[in-house]
C-alpha atoms as a PDB file:
ATOM      1  CA  MET A   1     -44.631   0.227  10.238  1.00  0.00           C
ATOM      2  CA  LYS A   2     -46.862  -3.092  11.684  1.00  0.00           C
ATOM      3  CA  ASP A   3     -48.735  -2.776   8.155  1.00  0.00           C
ATOM      4  CA  PHE A   4     -45.244  -2.872   6.589  1.00  0.00           C
ATOM      5  CA  LEU A   5     -44.109  -5.528   8.080  1.00  0.00           C
ATOM      6  CA  GLN A   6     -47.506  -7.759   7.672  1.00  0.00           C
ATOM      7  CA  LEU A   7     -47.053  -7.002   3.923  1.00  0.00           C
ATOM      8  CA  ALA A   8     -43.297  -8.273   3.692  1.00  0.00           C
ATOM      9  CA  CYS A   9     -44.257 -11.286   5.241  1.00  0.00           C
ATOM     10  CA  SER A  10     -47.068 -12.072   3.122  1.00  0.00           C
ATOM     11  CA  ALA A  11     -46.699 -15.359   1.687  1.00  0.00           C
ATOM     12  CA  GLY A  12     -46.496 -13.855  -2.219  1.00  0.00           C
ATOM     13  CA  ILE A  13     -43.563 -11.622  -0.907  1.00  0.00           C
ATOM     14  CA  ALA A  14     -42.019 -14.428   0.926  1.00  0.00           C
ATOM     15  CA  ARG A  15     -41.921 -16.931  -1.538  1.00  0.00           C
ATOM     16  CA  SER A  16     -40.359 -14.585  -4.107  1.00  0.00           C
ATOM     17  CA  ALA A  17     -37.739 -13.229  -1.797  1.00  0.00           C
ATOM     18  CA  LEU A  18     -36.850 -16.838  -0.833  1.00  0.00           C
ATOM     19  CA  ARG A  19     -36.369 -17.450  -4.445  1.00  0.00           C
ATOM     20  CA  VAL A  20     -34.264 -14.979  -4.605  1.00  0.00           C
ATOM     21  CA  ALA A  21     -32.252 -15.249  -1.957  1.00  0.00           C
ATOM     22  CA  LEU A  22     -31.524 -19.005  -3.063  1.00  0.00           C
ATOM     23  CA  VAL A  23     -30.026 -18.132  -6.132  1.00  0.00           C
ATOM     24  CA  VAL A  24     -28.036 -14.700  -5.199  1.00  0.00           C
ATOM     25  CA  GLY A  25     -27.188 -16.469  -1.999  1.00  0.00           C
ATOM     26  CA  THR A  26     -25.810 -19.563  -3.734  1.00  0.00           C
ATOM     27  CA  ALA A  27     -23.826 -17.488  -5.755  1.00  0.00           C
ATOM     28  CA  LEU A  28     -22.381 -15.746  -3.200  1.00  0.00           C
ATOM     29  CA  ASN A  29     -21.530 -18.751  -1.154  1.00  0.00           C
ATOM     30  CA  VAL A  30     -19.785 -19.637  -4.306  1.00  0.00           C
ATOM     31  CA  ILE A  31     -17.854 -16.795  -4.888  1.00  0.00           C
ATOM     32  CA  ASN A  32     -16.668 -16.200  -0.868  1.00  0.00           C
ATOM     33  CA  GLN A  33     -16.685 -20.069   0.250  1.00  0.00           C
ATOM     34  CA  GLY A  34     -16.131 -22.135  -3.321  1.00  0.00           C
ATOM     35  CA  GLY A  35     -12.520 -23.135  -2.571  1.00  0.00           C
ATOM     36  CA  ASP A  36     -13.238 -24.220   0.941  1.00  0.00           C
ATOM     37  CA  ILE A  37     -16.658 -26.338  -0.204  1.00  0.00           C
ATOM     38  CA  LEU A  38     -14.690 -28.053  -3.062  1.00  0.00           C
ATOM     39  CA  VAL A  39     -11.782 -28.851  -0.560  1.00  0.00           C
ATOM     40  CA  GLY A  40     -13.738 -29.719   2.752  1.00  0.00           C
ATOM     41  CA  ASP A  41     -12.100 -27.197   4.556  1.00  0.00           C
ATOM     42  CA  ASN A  42     -13.998 -25.229   7.697  1.00  0.00           C
ATOM     43  CA  ILE A  43     -17.230 -23.433   6.429  1.00  0.00           C
ATOM     44  CA  ALA A  44     -17.805 -19.816   8.036  1.00  0.00           C
ATOM     45  CA  TRP A  45     -21.495 -20.709   9.054  1.00  0.00           C
ATOM     46  CA  PHE A  46     -22.528 -17.598  10.027  1.00  0.00           C
ATOM     47  CA  HIS A  47     -21.298 -15.813   7.079  1.00  0.00           C
ATOM     48  CA  LEU A  48     -23.020 -18.426   5.259  1.00  0.00           C
ATOM     49  CA  LEU A  49     -26.203 -17.804   6.710  1.00  0.00           C
ATOM     50  CA  LEU A  50     -25.962 -14.276   5.849  1.00  0.00           C
ATOM     51  CA  ASN A  51     -25.197 -14.718   2.429  1.00  0.00           C
ATOM     52  CA  TYR A  52     -28.836 -16.041   2.227  1.00  0.00           C
ATOM     53  CA  LEU A  53     -30.495 -13.821   4.696  1.00  0.00           C
ATOM     54  CA  VAL A  54     -29.139 -10.595   3.274  1.00  0.00           C
ATOM     55  CA  PRO A  55     -30.809 -11.038  -0.358  1.00  0.00           C
ATOM     56  CA  TYR A  56     -33.786 -12.468   1.517  1.00  0.00           C
ATOM     57  CA  CYS A  57     -34.653  -8.830   3.676  1.00  0.00           C
ATOM     58  CA  VAL A  58     -33.789  -6.543   0.309  1.00  0.00           C
ATOM     59  CA  ALA A  59     -35.830  -8.656  -1.811  1.00  0.00           C
ATOM     60  CA  SER A  60     -38.429  -9.041   0.644  1.00  0.00           C
ATOM     61  CA  TYR A  61     -37.964  -5.009   1.659  1.00  0.00           C
ATOM     62  CA  SER A  62     -38.156  -3.616  -1.905  1.00  0.00           C
ATOM     63  CA  ALA A  63     -41.269  -5.568  -2.635  1.00  0.00           C
ATOM     64  CA  ALA A  64     -43.248  -4.338   0.052  1.00  0.00           C
ATOM     65  CA  ARG A  65     -41.871  -0.971  -0.470  1.00  0.00           C
ATOM     66  CA  ASN A  66     -42.874  -1.029  -4.071  1.00  0.00           C
ATOM     67  CA  GLN A  67     -46.756  -2.610  -3.349  1.00  0.00           C
ATOM     68  CA  ILE A  68     -46.917   0.491  -1.068  1.00  0.00           C
ATOM     69  CA  MET A  69     -45.777   3.057  -3.404  1.00  0.00           C
ATOM     70  CA  ARG A  70     -48.103   1.638  -6.088  1.00  0.00           C
ATOM     71  CA  SER A  71     -50.832   1.581  -3.747  1.00  0.00           C
ATOM     72  CA  GLU A  72     -50.216   5.473  -3.036  1.00  0.00           C
ATOM     73  CA  ASP A  73     -50.326   6.159  -6.328  1.00  0.00           C
ATOM     74  CA  GLU A  74     -54.042   4.936  -6.884  1.00  0.00           C
END
């Protein structure tokens, strides 16, 4: 488990996951809170954070799991 977390937090995977999170998180925020953002209403900051955090976690988990699976096949 420790090796998996180190791999998931490695620089290459973290950069890729961050790019995915920025694109997907922004799209989710526009979908979920776009109207509130445009008219200047209150924004659900916790949901805004989750909209970026969840794609980051999914992308980093998937990349790390994929890399482990590749190394096991060799």
